[in-house]
Amino acid sequence: MTEFTEAAVRADVRKWLEANWSVDRGLVEWRNMLISSGWGVPTWPKDWFGMDLPAALAPVVEEEFSARSVSLRRASGVWRRRLC
């Protein structure tokens, strides 16, 4: 991804999920795919297997995963506390 806009992030997440999500995929395989893609924890630095995504755009990623009934936080094995 070259720019961090809401539209670009949504498009990239949708494209990646379309190519990779399957209910038949095993949990370990799915977690490894999330890790290698950076979508598991996209706000983390790339050196830590993230995408350097601004925190303000993290809800966009979660919305796109939720639209496919995929829980990003559970699937990645990393939980973050929501600050309301």
N, C-alpha and C. Protein backbone atom coordinates (compact mmCIF):
# COMPACT_ATOMS: atom_id res chain seq x y z
N MET A 1 0.85 -1.17 0.00
CA MET A 1 0.00 0.00 0.00
C MET A 1 0.90 1.23 0.00
N THR A 2 0.62 2.14 -0.88
CA THR A 2 1.47 3.31 -0.98
C THR A 2 0.93 4.52 -0.24
N GLU A 3 -0.39 4.56 -0.02
CA GLU A 3 -0.95 5.68 0.73
C GLU A 3 -1.91 5.15 1.78
N PHE A 4 -1.96 5.86 2.90
CA PHE A 4 -2.82 5.44 4.00
C PHE A 4 -4.07 6.32 4.04
N THR A 5 -5.00 6.05 3.17
CA THR A 5 -6.30 6.69 3.21
C THR A 5 -7.33 5.61 3.53
N GLU A 6 -8.48 6.02 4.02
CA GLU A 6 -9.51 5.04 4.35
C GLU A 6 -9.88 4.21 3.12
N ALA A 7 -10.05 4.86 1.99
CA ALA A 7 -10.44 4.14 0.76
C ALA A 7 -9.37 3.15 0.33
N ALA A 8 -8.10 3.55 0.42
CA ALA A 8 -7.00 2.66 0.01
C ALA A 8 -6.89 1.46 0.94
N VAL A 9 -7.04 1.70 2.24
CA VAL A 9 -6.96 0.62 3.22
C VAL A 9 -8.12 -0.36 3.00
N ARG A 10 -9.33 0.17 2.83
CA ARG A 10 -10.48 -0.71 2.58
C ARG A 10 -10.27 -1.56 1.34
N ALA A 11 -9.80 -0.94 0.29
CA ALA A 11 -9.58 -1.67 -0.97
C ALA A 11 -8.53 -2.76 -0.80
N ASP A 12 -7.44 -2.44 -0.11
CA ASP A 12 -6.38 -3.44 0.10
C ASP A 12 -6.85 -4.60 0.97
N VAL A 13 -7.58 -4.30 2.04
CA VAL A 13 -8.09 -5.36 2.91
C VAL A 13 -9.06 -6.25 2.15
N ARG A 14 -9.98 -5.64 1.42
CA ARG A 14 -10.95 -6.43 0.64
C ARG A 14 -10.26 -7.32 -0.37
N LYS A 15 -9.28 -6.77 -1.07
CA LYS A 15 -8.55 -7.54 -2.08
C LYS A 15 -7.82 -8.71 -1.42
N TRP A 16 -7.16 -8.44 -0.29
CA TRP A 16 -6.42 -9.50 0.39
C TRP A 16 -7.36 -10.58 0.91
N LEU A 17 -8.46 -10.18 1.53
CA LEU A 17 -9.41 -11.16 2.06
C LEU A 17 -10.03 -11.99 0.93
N GLU A 18 -10.36 -11.35 -0.17
CA GLU A 18 -10.93 -12.07 -1.31
C GLU A 18 -9.98 -13.16 -1.78
N ALA A 19 -8.70 -12.86 -1.79
CA ALA A 19 -7.70 -13.82 -2.26
C ALA A 19 -7.32 -14.88 -1.23
N ASN A 20 -7.52 -14.58 0.07
CA ASN A 20 -6.95 -15.45 1.10
C ASN A 20 -7.91 -16.07 2.10
N TRP A 21 -9.06 -15.46 2.35
CA TRP A 21 -9.95 -15.98 3.38
C TRP A 21 -10.71 -17.21 2.90
N SER A 22 -10.72 -18.22 3.76
CA SER A 22 -11.50 -19.43 3.52
C SER A 22 -11.89 -20.02 4.86
N VAL A 23 -13.16 -20.37 5.00
CA VAL A 23 -13.60 -20.99 6.25
C VAL A 23 -12.97 -22.36 6.44
N ASP A 24 -12.45 -22.93 5.37
CA ASP A 24 -11.84 -24.26 5.43
C ASP A 24 -10.37 -24.22 5.84
N ARG A 25 -9.80 -23.04 5.92
CA ARG A 25 -8.38 -22.91 6.27
C ARG A 25 -8.20 -23.18 7.76
N GLY A 26 -7.18 -23.90 8.12
CA GLY A 26 -6.88 -24.17 9.52
C GLY A 26 -6.41 -22.93 10.25
N LEU A 27 -6.62 -22.90 11.56
CA LEU A 27 -6.28 -21.73 12.36
C LEU A 27 -4.79 -21.39 12.29
N VAL A 28 -3.93 -22.37 12.40
CA VAL A 28 -2.49 -22.11 12.37
C VAL A 28 -2.09 -21.55 11.00
N GLU A 29 -2.61 -22.13 9.94
CA GLU A 29 -2.30 -21.62 8.60
C GLU A 29 -2.81 -20.19 8.44
N TRP A 30 -4.03 -19.91 8.93
CA TRP A 30 -4.60 -18.57 8.84
C TRP A 30 -3.76 -17.57 9.63
N ARG A 31 -3.38 -17.92 10.84
CA ARG A 31 -2.54 -17.01 11.63
C ARG A 31 -1.22 -16.73 10.95
N ASN A 32 -0.62 -17.74 10.36
CA ASN A 32 0.64 -17.54 9.64
C ASN A 32 0.46 -16.61 8.45
N MET A 33 -0.67 -16.72 7.78
CA MET A 33 -0.96 -15.83 6.65
C MET A 33 -1.14 -14.39 7.14
N LEU A 34 -1.84 -14.23 8.26
CA LEU A 34 -2.01 -12.88 8.82
C LEU A 34 -0.66 -12.27 9.21
N ILE A 35 0.18 -13.08 9.81
CA ILE A 35 1.50 -12.60 10.22
C ILE A 35 2.32 -12.18 9.02
N SER A 36 2.40 -13.04 8.03
CA SER A 36 3.26 -12.74 6.87
C SER A 36 2.73 -11.59 6.03
N SER A 37 1.42 -11.36 6.07
CA SER A 37 0.84 -10.27 5.27
C SER A 37 0.92 -8.92 5.98
N GLY A 38 0.99 -8.94 7.30
CA GLY A 38 0.97 -7.69 8.06
C GLY A 38 -0.43 -7.32 8.54
N TRP A 39 -1.46 -8.02 8.07
CA TRP A 39 -2.83 -7.69 8.46
C TRP A 39 -3.19 -8.18 9.86
N GLY A 40 -2.39 -9.03 10.45
CA GLY A 40 -2.68 -9.53 11.80
C GLY A 40 -2.70 -8.42 12.83
N VAL A 41 -1.73 -7.54 12.77
CA VAL A 41 -1.65 -6.36 13.64
C VAL A 41 -1.11 -5.22 12.77
N PRO A 42 -1.97 -4.65 11.93
CA PRO A 42 -1.51 -3.71 10.92
C PRO A 42 -0.91 -2.41 11.45
N THR A 43 -1.17 -2.06 12.71
CA THR A 43 -0.60 -0.83 13.26
C THR A 43 0.82 -1.02 13.78
N TRP A 44 1.27 -2.25 13.86
CA TRP A 44 2.64 -2.51 14.30
C TRP A 44 3.62 -2.16 13.19
N PRO A 45 4.88 -1.90 13.54
CA PRO A 45 5.90 -1.62 12.51
C PRO A 45 6.11 -2.82 11.59
N LYS A 46 6.54 -2.54 10.38
CA LYS A 46 6.80 -3.62 9.42
C LYS A 46 7.85 -4.59 9.95
N ASP A 47 8.82 -4.09 10.71
CA ASP A 47 9.85 -4.96 11.28
C ASP A 47 9.26 -5.96 12.28
N TRP A 48 8.07 -5.66 12.78
CA TRP A 48 7.40 -6.54 13.73
C TRP A 48 6.21 -7.24 13.06
N PHE A 49 6.24 -7.38 11.75
CA PHE A 49 5.21 -8.06 10.96
C PHE A 49 3.89 -7.30 10.91
N GLY A 50 3.95 -5.98 11.02
CA GLY A 50 2.77 -5.14 10.86
C GLY A 50 2.83 -4.43 9.51
N MET A 51 2.09 -3.33 9.40
CA MET A 51 2.05 -2.57 8.15
C MET A 51 2.33 -1.08 8.36
N ASP A 52 2.71 -0.69 9.57
CA ASP A 52 2.92 0.72 9.89
C ASP A 52 1.67 1.56 9.65
N LEU A 53 0.51 0.97 9.77
CA LEU A 53 -0.75 1.67 9.53
C LEU A 53 -1.03 2.62 10.68
N PRO A 54 -1.46 3.84 10.40
CA PRO A 54 -1.83 4.75 11.49
C PRO A 54 -2.96 4.16 12.33
N ALA A 55 -2.89 4.35 13.64
CA ALA A 55 -3.89 3.79 14.55
C ALA A 55 -5.30 4.24 14.21
N ALA A 56 -5.45 5.41 13.66
CA ALA A 56 -6.78 5.92 13.30
C ALA A 56 -7.46 5.08 12.23
N LEU A 57 -6.67 4.32 11.47
CA LEU A 57 -7.25 3.49 10.40
C LEU A 57 -7.45 2.03 10.81
N ALA A 58 -7.04 1.67 12.01
CA ALA A 58 -7.24 0.29 12.48
C ALA A 58 -8.71 -0.12 12.48
N PRO A 59 -9.64 0.76 12.89
CA PRO A 59 -11.05 0.36 12.84
C PRO A 59 -11.54 0.04 11.42
N VAL A 60 -10.96 0.65 10.43
CA VAL A 60 -11.32 0.36 9.04
C VAL A 60 -10.98 -1.09 8.71
N VAL A 61 -9.81 -1.52 9.14
CA VAL A 61 -9.38 -2.90 8.91
C VAL A 61 -10.33 -3.86 9.63
N GLU A 62 -10.63 -3.57 10.88
CA GLU A 62 -11.54 -4.41 11.66
C GLU A 62 -12.93 -4.48 11.02
N GLU A 63 -13.42 -3.36 10.49
CA GLU A 63 -14.72 -3.35 9.83
C GLU A 63 -14.73 -4.27 8.62
N GLU A 64 -13.66 -4.24 7.84
CA GLU A 64 -13.61 -5.08 6.64
C GLU A 64 -13.52 -6.56 6.99
N PHE A 65 -12.75 -6.88 8.03
CA PHE A 65 -12.70 -8.28 8.48
C PHE A 65 -14.06 -8.70 9.02
N SER A 66 -14.70 -7.84 9.79
CA SER A 66 -16.02 -8.15 10.35
C SER A 66 -17.07 -8.33 9.27
N ALA A 67 -16.96 -7.59 8.18
CA ALA A 67 -17.92 -7.72 7.08
C ALA A 67 -17.92 -9.12 6.50
N ARG A 68 -16.81 -9.84 6.67
CA ARG A 68 -16.72 -11.24 6.22
C ARG A 68 -16.84 -12.21 7.39
N SER A 69 -17.25 -11.69 8.53
CA SER A 69 -17.40 -12.50 9.75
C SER A 69 -16.08 -13.12 10.19
N VAL A 70 -15.01 -12.37 10.01
CA VAL A 70 -13.68 -12.81 10.44
C VAL A 70 -13.27 -11.91 11.60
N SER A 71 -12.99 -12.50 12.76
CA SER A 71 -12.56 -11.73 13.90
C SER A 71 -11.05 -11.57 13.83
N LEU A 72 -10.61 -10.39 13.51
CA LEU A 72 -9.18 -10.13 13.38
C LEU A 72 -8.45 -10.32 14.70
N ARG A 73 -9.00 -9.84 15.78
CA ARG A 73 -8.31 -9.94 17.07
C ARG A 73 -8.18 -11.37 17.53
N ARG A 74 -9.20 -12.17 17.37
CA ARG A 74 -9.10 -13.58 17.78
C ARG A 74 -8.20 -14.35 16.84
N ALA A 75 -8.33 -14.10 15.55
CA ALA A 75 -7.56 -14.87 14.57
C ALA A 75 -6.08 -14.60 14.66
N SER A 76 -5.70 -13.37 15.00
CA SER A 76 -4.29 -13.05 15.06
C SER A 76 -3.65 -13.54 16.36
N GLY A 77 -4.48 -13.77 17.36
CA GLY A 77 -3.95 -14.17 18.66
C GLY A 77 -3.49 -12.98 19.48
N VAL A 78 -3.68 -11.78 18.95
CA VAL A 78 -3.28 -10.56 19.64
C VAL A 78 -4.55 -9.79 19.98
N TRP A 79 -4.70 -9.48 21.24
CA TRP A 79 -5.89 -8.74 21.67
C TRP A 79 -5.45 -7.34 22.09
N ARG A 80 -6.22 -6.37 21.70
CA ARG A 80 -5.94 -5.02 22.19
C ARG A 80 -7.18 -4.51 22.90
N ARG A 81 -6.97 -3.77 23.95
CA ARG A 81 -8.09 -3.25 24.69
C ARG A 81 -8.62 -2.03 23.97
N ARG A 82 -9.92 -1.97 23.82
CA ARG A 82 -10.55 -0.81 23.20
C ARG A 82 -10.62 0.31 24.20
N LEU A 83 -10.29 1.49 23.75
CA LEU A 83 -10.39 2.68 24.59
C LEU A 83 -11.61 3.45 24.11
N CYS A 84 -12.62 3.53 24.94
CA CYS A 84 -13.86 4.19 24.53
C CYS A 84 -13.95 5.57 25.12
